[in-house]
């Protein structure tokens, strides 16, 4: 059976709807391309300034400055004394007592552990530090 609208040459309603949807999709894609292109241009325009200037600078130490071995050793001694005074504490407790962040104490603690002066128990932020026990040498008569 032929519909009356088909007989007079009118387009099918579904076809019209389909064409309108396709047109809207094309317009949306074009608007998205323009927005993306503008965002890329803004990003490249602002990248001419130093990327470091936009990053937050940590307080205290300057970025990239390596501490001298004597400084790390001195800090290690202070850290060892703190561990001996309060065995079983975490770095987040020891750090503020020494006036430093736990991150700043990471290297001195590694040096102490490698030297066998401190041992650790636990993982990550729950790691607790203890002074290493030095056993007396067995005397053979």
N, C-alpha and C. Protein backbone atom coordinates (compact mmCIF):
# COMPACT_ATOMS: atom_id res chain seq x y z
N UNK A 1 0.85 -1.17 0.00
CA UNK A 1 0.00 0.00 0.00
C UNK A 1 0.89 1.23 0.00
N UNK A 2 0.59 2.19 -0.82
CA UNK A 2 1.35 3.41 -0.96
C UNK A 2 0.68 4.49 -0.14
N UNK A 3 1.49 5.19 0.63
CA UNK A 3 0.96 6.26 1.46
C UNK A 3 0.70 7.49 0.60
N UNK A 4 -0.17 8.34 1.09
CA UNK A 4 -0.54 9.54 0.35
C UNK A 4 0.64 10.50 0.23
N UNK A 5 1.48 10.62 1.27
CA UNK A 5 2.60 11.56 1.22
C UNK A 5 3.66 11.08 0.24
N UNK A 6 3.82 9.74 0.07
CA UNK A 6 4.77 9.23 -0.91
C UNK A 6 4.29 9.51 -2.33
N UNK A 7 3.00 9.47 -2.50
CA UNK A 7 2.44 9.65 -3.84
C UNK A 7 2.61 11.07 -4.33
N UNK A 8 2.55 12.07 -3.44
CA UNK A 8 2.68 13.45 -3.86
C UNK A 8 4.11 13.96 -3.86
N UNK A 9 5.08 13.11 -3.54
CA UNK A 9 6.47 13.50 -3.63
C UNK A 9 7.05 14.06 -2.33
N UNK A 10 6.39 13.94 -1.22
CA UNK A 10 6.91 14.42 0.05
C UNK A 10 7.90 13.39 0.60
N UNK A 11 8.88 13.89 1.33
CA UNK A 11 9.87 12.99 1.90
C UNK A 11 9.30 12.28 3.11
N UNK A 12 9.85 11.14 3.37
CA UNK A 12 9.41 10.31 4.49
C UNK A 12 9.82 10.97 5.80
N UNK A 13 8.98 10.99 6.83
CA UNK A 13 9.30 11.67 8.09
C UNK A 13 10.59 11.13 8.73
N UNK A 14 10.84 9.83 8.66
CA UNK A 14 12.05 9.26 9.25
C UNK A 14 13.30 9.74 8.51
N UNK A 15 13.17 9.91 7.20
CA UNK A 15 14.31 10.38 6.42
C UNK A 15 14.65 11.82 6.80
N UNK A 16 13.63 12.65 6.96
CA UNK A 16 13.84 14.04 7.36
C UNK A 16 14.49 14.11 8.73
N UNK A 17 13.98 13.30 9.66
CA UNK A 17 14.56 13.26 11.00
C UNK A 17 16.01 12.81 10.95
N UNK A 18 16.30 11.82 10.16
CA UNK A 18 17.65 11.32 10.01
C UNK A 18 18.58 12.40 9.46
N UNK A 19 18.12 13.14 8.48
CA UNK A 19 18.94 14.21 7.90
C UNK A 19 19.19 15.32 8.92
N UNK A 20 18.18 15.65 9.71
CA UNK A 20 18.34 16.69 10.74
C UNK A 20 19.35 16.24 11.81
N UNK A 21 19.28 14.98 12.20
CA UNK A 21 20.22 14.46 13.19
C UNK A 21 21.65 14.51 12.65
N UNK A 22 21.82 14.09 11.39
CA UNK A 22 23.15 14.11 10.78
C UNK A 22 23.68 15.55 10.72
N UNK A 23 22.83 16.50 10.41
CA UNK A 23 23.25 17.90 10.35
C UNK A 23 23.68 18.39 11.74
N UNK A 24 22.92 18.04 12.77
CA UNK A 24 23.28 18.42 14.14
C UNK A 24 24.61 17.80 14.55
N UNK A 25 24.82 16.55 14.18
CA UNK A 25 26.08 15.89 14.51
C UNK A 25 27.25 16.58 13.81
N UNK A 26 27.09 16.93 12.54
CA UNK A 26 28.14 17.64 11.81
C UNK A 26 28.45 18.98 12.46
N UNK A 27 27.41 19.71 12.86
CA UNK A 27 27.62 21.00 13.52
C UNK A 27 28.34 20.83 14.87
N UNK A 28 27.96 19.80 15.59
CA UNK A 28 28.61 19.54 16.88
C UNK A 28 30.09 19.20 16.69
N UNK A 29 30.39 18.36 15.72
CA UNK A 29 31.78 17.99 15.45
C UNK A 29 32.59 19.22 15.06
N UNK A 30 32.03 20.07 14.22
CA UNK A 30 32.74 21.27 13.79
C UNK A 30 32.97 22.22 14.97
N UNK A 31 31.99 22.37 15.84
CA UNK A 31 32.15 23.22 17.03
C UNK A 31 33.21 22.64 17.96
N UNK A 32 33.26 21.32 18.10
CA UNK A 32 34.27 20.67 18.94
C UNK A 32 35.66 20.88 18.36
N UNK A 33 35.80 20.79 17.04
CA UNK A 33 37.09 21.02 16.40
C UNK A 33 37.58 22.44 16.64
N UNK A 34 36.66 23.40 16.51
CA UNK A 34 37.05 24.79 16.74
C UNK A 34 37.49 25.01 18.18
N UNK A 35 36.75 24.43 19.12
CA UNK A 35 37.10 24.59 20.54
C UNK A 35 38.45 23.93 20.85
N UNK A 36 38.67 22.74 20.29
CA UNK A 36 39.95 22.05 20.52
C UNK A 36 41.10 22.83 19.91
N UNK A 37 40.90 23.36 18.73
CA UNK A 37 41.94 24.14 18.06
C UNK A 37 42.28 25.39 18.87
N UNK A 38 41.27 26.06 19.39
CA UNK A 38 41.50 27.25 20.21
C UNK A 38 42.24 26.89 21.50
N UNK A 39 41.90 25.75 22.10
CA UNK A 39 42.56 25.33 23.33
C UNK A 39 44.03 25.01 23.08
N UNK A 40 44.32 24.36 21.95
CA UNK A 40 45.71 24.04 21.61
C UNK A 40 46.50 25.33 21.37
N UNK A 41 45.90 26.27 20.67
CA UNK A 41 46.59 27.54 20.42
C UNK A 41 46.87 28.28 21.73
N UNK A 42 45.91 28.27 22.65
CA UNK A 42 46.14 28.91 23.95
C UNK A 42 47.26 28.21 24.72
N UNK A 43 47.28 26.89 24.65
CA UNK A 43 48.31 26.13 25.37
C UNK A 43 49.69 26.44 24.83
N UNK A 44 49.83 26.48 23.50
CA UNK A 44 51.13 26.78 22.91
C UNK A 44 51.52 28.24 23.14
N UNK A 45 50.56 29.12 23.19
CA UNK A 45 50.87 30.52 23.43
C UNK A 45 51.39 30.72 24.85
N UNK A 46 50.83 29.99 25.81
CA UNK A 46 51.26 30.14 27.20
C UNK A 46 52.50 29.33 27.50
N UNK A 47 52.89 28.41 26.63
CA UNK A 47 54.07 27.59 26.91
C UNK A 47 55.36 28.34 26.65
N UNK A 48 55.29 29.53 26.10
CA UNK A 48 56.51 30.30 25.88
C UNK A 48 57.12 30.76 27.19
N UNK A 49 56.29 30.87 28.25
CA UNK A 49 56.85 31.19 29.56
C UNK A 49 57.45 29.93 30.16
N UNK A 50 58.27 30.09 31.16
CA UNK A 50 58.96 28.97 31.77
C UNK A 50 57.97 28.00 32.41
N UNK A 51 58.06 26.69 32.11
CA UNK A 51 57.14 25.74 32.72
C UNK A 51 57.36 25.62 34.22
N UNK A 52 58.58 25.88 34.69
CA UNK A 52 58.87 25.80 36.12
C UNK A 52 58.14 26.89 36.90
N UNK A 53 57.91 28.05 36.25
CA UNK A 53 57.29 29.15 36.96
C UNK A 53 55.85 28.84 37.33
N UNK A 54 55.20 27.95 36.61
CA UNK A 54 53.80 27.62 36.88
C UNK A 54 53.68 26.55 37.96
N UNK A 55 54.75 25.79 38.21
CA UNK A 55 54.69 24.73 39.21
C UNK A 55 54.88 25.31 40.60
N UNK A 56 54.23 24.71 41.57
CA UNK A 56 54.38 25.17 42.94
C UNK A 56 55.77 24.80 43.44
N UNK A 57 56.45 25.76 44.01
CA UNK A 57 57.77 25.52 44.54
C UNK A 57 57.64 25.04 45.99
N UNK A 58 58.30 23.95 46.34
CA UNK A 58 58.22 23.49 47.72
C UNK A 58 58.96 24.46 48.63
N UNK A 59 58.51 24.53 49.86
CA UNK A 59 59.16 25.42 50.82
C UNK A 59 60.38 24.73 51.40
N UNK A 60 61.29 25.49 51.90
CA UNK A 60 62.47 24.90 52.53
C UNK A 60 63.62 24.80 51.55
N UNK A 61 63.81 23.66 50.96
CA UNK A 61 64.94 23.42 50.07
C UNK A 61 64.65 23.91 48.67
N UNK A 62 65.70 24.19 47.94
CA UNK A 62 65.53 24.54 46.54
C UNK A 62 65.52 23.27 45.72
N UNK A 63 64.83 23.31 44.59
CA UNK A 63 64.73 22.14 43.74
C UNK A 63 66.07 21.85 43.09
N UNK A 64 66.44 20.58 43.09
CA UNK A 64 67.62 20.16 42.37
C UNK A 64 68.92 20.29 43.14
N UNK A 65 68.91 20.90 44.30
CA UNK A 65 70.15 21.04 45.06
C UNK A 65 70.42 19.73 45.78
N UNK A 66 71.57 19.16 45.50
CA UNK A 66 71.96 17.93 46.18
C UNK A 66 72.66 18.30 47.47
N UNK A 67 72.31 17.59 48.51
CA UNK A 67 72.97 17.84 49.79
C UNK A 67 74.36 17.20 49.78
N UNK A 68 75.27 17.86 50.40
CA UNK A 68 76.63 17.35 50.51
C UNK A 68 76.62 16.10 51.39
N UNK A 69 77.54 15.17 51.14
CA UNK A 69 77.60 13.96 51.98
C UNK A 69 77.78 14.27 53.46
N UNK A 70 78.50 15.34 53.76
CA UNK A 70 78.67 15.70 55.18
C UNK A 70 77.35 16.16 55.79
N UNK A 71 76.54 16.86 54.99
CA UNK A 71 75.23 17.31 55.47
C UNK A 71 74.32 16.12 55.71
N UNK A 72 74.34 15.14 54.79
CA UNK A 72 73.52 13.94 54.94
C UNK A 72 73.98 13.15 56.16
N UNK A 73 75.30 13.06 56.36
CA UNK A 73 75.84 12.33 57.52
C UNK A 73 75.43 13.01 58.83
N UNK A 74 75.53 14.34 58.88
CA UNK A 74 75.15 15.07 60.09
C UNK A 74 73.66 14.89 60.38
N UNK A 75 72.86 14.95 59.35
CA UNK A 75 71.43 14.75 59.53
C UNK A 75 71.15 13.31 59.94
N UNK A 76 71.92 12.37 59.41
CA UNK A 76 71.79 10.96 59.80
C UNK A 76 72.07 10.75 61.28
N UNK A 77 73.07 11.46 61.79
CA UNK A 77 73.39 11.35 63.22
C UNK A 77 72.24 11.86 64.07
N UNK A 78 71.69 13.00 63.69
CA UNK A 78 70.54 13.56 64.42
C UNK A 78 69.35 12.60 64.35
N UNK A 79 69.15 12.01 63.16
CA UNK A 79 68.04 11.07 62.97
C UNK A 79 68.26 9.81 63.81
N UNK A 80 69.50 9.31 63.87
CA UNK A 80 69.81 8.13 64.68
C UNK A 80 69.53 8.40 66.15
N UNK A 81 69.90 9.59 66.62
CA UNK A 81 69.63 9.96 68.01
C UNK A 81 68.12 9.99 68.27
N UNK A 82 67.36 10.50 67.31
CA UNK A 82 65.90 10.56 67.48
C UNK A 82 65.30 9.16 67.50
N UNK A 83 65.81 8.26 66.65
CA UNK A 83 65.31 6.89 66.64
C UNK A 83 65.65 6.19 67.95
N UNK A 84 66.86 6.41 68.47
CA UNK A 84 67.25 5.81 69.75
C UNK A 84 66.41 6.36 70.90
N UNK A 85 66.08 7.64 70.85
CA UNK A 85 65.28 8.27 71.91
C UNK A 85 63.84 7.79 71.87
N UNK A 86 63.33 7.53 70.68
CA UNK A 86 61.94 7.11 70.54
C UNK A 86 61.84 5.95 69.56
N UNK A 87 62.23 4.75 69.97
CA UNK A 87 62.17 3.61 69.06
C UNK A 87 60.73 3.26 68.70
N UNK A 88 60.54 2.84 67.47
CA UNK A 88 59.22 2.40 67.03
C UNK A 88 58.36 3.50 66.44
N UNK A 89 58.90 4.70 66.27
CA UNK A 89 58.12 5.80 65.70
C UNK A 89 58.21 5.78 64.18
N UNK A 90 57.24 6.42 63.56
CA UNK A 90 57.21 6.54 62.10
C UNK A 90 57.97 7.79 61.67
N UNK A 91 58.25 7.86 60.39
CA UNK A 91 58.97 9.02 59.85
C UNK A 91 58.13 10.29 60.01
N UNK A 92 56.81 10.17 59.96
CA UNK A 92 55.96 11.35 60.10
C UNK A 92 56.00 11.91 61.52
N UNK A 93 56.43 11.12 62.49
CA UNK A 93 56.60 11.61 63.85
C UNK A 93 58.02 12.13 64.05
N UNK A 94 59.00 11.41 63.50
CA UNK A 94 60.40 11.80 63.67
C UNK A 94 60.72 13.09 62.92
N UNK A 95 60.15 13.25 61.73
CA UNK A 95 60.45 14.41 60.89
C UNK A 95 60.19 15.75 61.57
N UNK A 96 58.98 16.00 62.04
CA UNK A 96 58.71 17.28 62.70
C UNK A 96 59.57 17.52 63.94
N UNK A 97 59.94 16.47 64.62
CA UNK A 97 60.80 16.65 65.81
C UNK A 97 62.19 17.12 65.42
N UNK A 98 62.60 16.81 64.19
CA UNK A 98 63.89 17.29 63.70
C UNK A 98 63.74 18.55 62.86
N UNK A 99 62.50 19.00 62.71
CA UNK A 99 62.25 20.20 61.92
C UNK A 99 62.36 19.95 60.42
N UNK A 100 62.06 18.74 59.98
CA UNK A 100 62.15 18.39 58.56
C UNK A 100 60.94 17.57 58.16
N UNK A 101 60.76 17.46 56.86
CA UNK A 101 59.68 16.63 56.35
C UNK A 101 60.16 15.18 56.26
N UNK A 102 59.24 14.23 56.28
CA UNK A 102 59.65 12.83 56.11
C UNK A 102 60.40 12.61 54.80
N UNK A 103 60.04 13.32 53.77
CA UNK A 103 60.71 13.19 52.48
C UNK A 103 62.17 13.61 52.57
N UNK A 104 62.46 14.64 53.33
CA UNK A 104 63.84 15.11 53.48
C UNK A 104 64.70 14.13 54.29
N UNK A 105 64.05 13.29 55.09
CA UNK A 105 64.78 12.34 55.92
C UNK A 105 64.97 10.98 55.24
N UNK A 106 64.42 10.83 54.06
CA UNK A 106 64.49 9.54 53.37
C UNK A 106 65.93 9.10 53.11
N UNK A 107 66.74 9.96 52.53
CA UNK A 107 68.13 9.61 52.19
C UNK A 107 68.96 9.32 53.45
N UNK A 108 68.93 10.19 54.48
CA UNK A 108 69.70 9.87 55.69
C UNK A 108 69.26 8.55 56.33
N UNK A 109 67.97 8.24 56.27
CA UNK A 109 67.49 6.98 56.85
C UNK A 109 68.01 5.79 56.05
N UNK A 110 68.06 5.94 54.72
CA UNK A 110 68.61 4.87 53.88
C UNK A 110 70.07 4.60 54.24
N UNK A 111 70.83 5.68 54.46
CA UNK A 111 72.25 5.54 54.82
C UNK A 111 72.37 4.81 56.16
N UNK A 112 71.54 5.17 57.12
CA UNK A 112 71.58 4.51 58.43
C UNK A 112 71.20 3.03 58.32
N UNK A 113 70.21 2.72 57.52
CA UNK A 113 69.80 1.33 57.36
C UNK A 113 70.88 0.50 56.68
N UNK A 114 71.51 1.07 55.65
CA UNK A 114 72.58 0.34 54.94
C UNK A 114 73.79 0.11 55.84
N UNK A 115 74.02 1.04 56.75
CA UNK A 115 75.14 0.90 57.68
C UNK A 115 74.82 -0.07 58.82
N UNK A 116 73.56 -0.50 58.91
CA UNK A 116 73.17 -1.44 59.96
C UNK A 116 72.91 -0.79 61.29
N UNK A 117 72.73 0.51 61.32
CA UNK A 117 72.51 1.22 62.58
C UNK A 117 71.04 1.33 62.94
N UNK A 118 70.16 1.17 61.93
CA UNK A 118 68.71 1.28 62.15
C UNK A 118 68.05 0.14 61.38
N UNK A 119 66.99 -0.40 61.97
CA UNK A 119 66.19 -1.40 61.25
C UNK A 119 64.76 -0.88 61.16
N UNK A 120 64.03 -1.38 60.17
CA UNK A 120 62.66 -0.91 59.99
C UNK A 120 61.71 -2.10 59.95
N UNK A 121 60.49 -1.83 60.37
CA UNK A 121 59.43 -2.82 60.37
C UNK A 121 58.20 -2.16 59.77
N UNK A 122 57.56 -2.82 58.82
CA UNK A 122 56.35 -2.28 58.21
C UNK A 122 56.62 -1.78 56.80
N UNK A 123 55.60 -1.23 56.20
CA UNK A 123 55.70 -0.75 54.82
C UNK A 123 55.12 0.65 54.69
N UNK A 124 55.69 1.37 53.74
CA UNK A 124 55.23 2.69 53.33
C UNK A 124 55.06 3.64 54.51
N UNK A 125 53.90 4.26 54.64
CA UNK A 125 53.73 5.28 55.69
C UNK A 125 53.60 4.67 57.08
N UNK A 126 53.48 3.35 57.17
CA UNK A 126 53.38 2.72 58.48
C UNK A 126 54.71 2.11 58.93
N UNK A 127 55.80 2.40 58.23
CA UNK A 127 57.10 1.88 58.61
C UNK A 127 57.54 2.48 59.93
N UNK A 128 57.99 1.63 60.81
CA UNK A 128 58.49 2.07 62.12
C UNK A 128 59.97 1.76 62.20
N UNK A 129 60.70 2.63 62.85
CA UNK A 129 62.16 2.53 62.88
C UNK A 129 62.65 2.26 64.30
N UNK A 130 63.65 1.36 64.38
CA UNK A 130 64.22 0.95 65.65
C UNK A 130 65.74 1.00 65.54
N UNK A 131 66.43 1.29 66.65
CA UNK A 131 67.90 1.20 66.59
C UNK A 131 68.29 -0.27 66.45
N UNK A 132 69.31 -0.53 65.67
CA UNK A 132 69.75 -1.91 65.48
C UNK A 132 70.45 -2.38 66.74
N UNK A 133 70.24 -3.63 67.08
CA UNK A 133 70.85 -4.20 68.26
C UNK A 133 72.21 -4.77 67.86
N UNK A 134 73.24 -4.31 68.53
CA UNK A 134 74.59 -4.81 68.27
C UNK A 134 74.87 -5.90 69.29
N UNK A 135 75.11 -7.10 68.80
CA UNK A 135 75.36 -8.22 69.70
C UNK A 135 76.87 -8.34 69.97
N UNK A 136 77.17 -8.65 71.18
CA UNK A 136 78.59 -8.81 71.56
C UNK A 136 79.14 -10.07 70.92
N UNK A 137 80.38 -10.05 70.52
CA UNK A 137 81.01 -11.21 69.90
C UNK A 137 81.17 -12.30 70.96
N UNK A 138 80.91 -13.53 70.54
CA UNK A 138 81.03 -14.66 71.47
C UNK A 138 82.51 -14.90 71.77
N UNK A 139 82.80 -15.00 73.03
CA UNK A 139 84.20 -15.22 73.39
C UNK A 139 84.45 -16.72 73.54
N UNK A 140 85.39 -17.22 72.78
CA UNK A 140 85.71 -18.66 72.83
C UNK A 140 86.97 -18.86 73.65
N UNK A 141 86.87 -19.54 74.74
CA UNK A 141 87.87 -19.70 75.73
C UNK A 141 89.13 -20.27 75.45
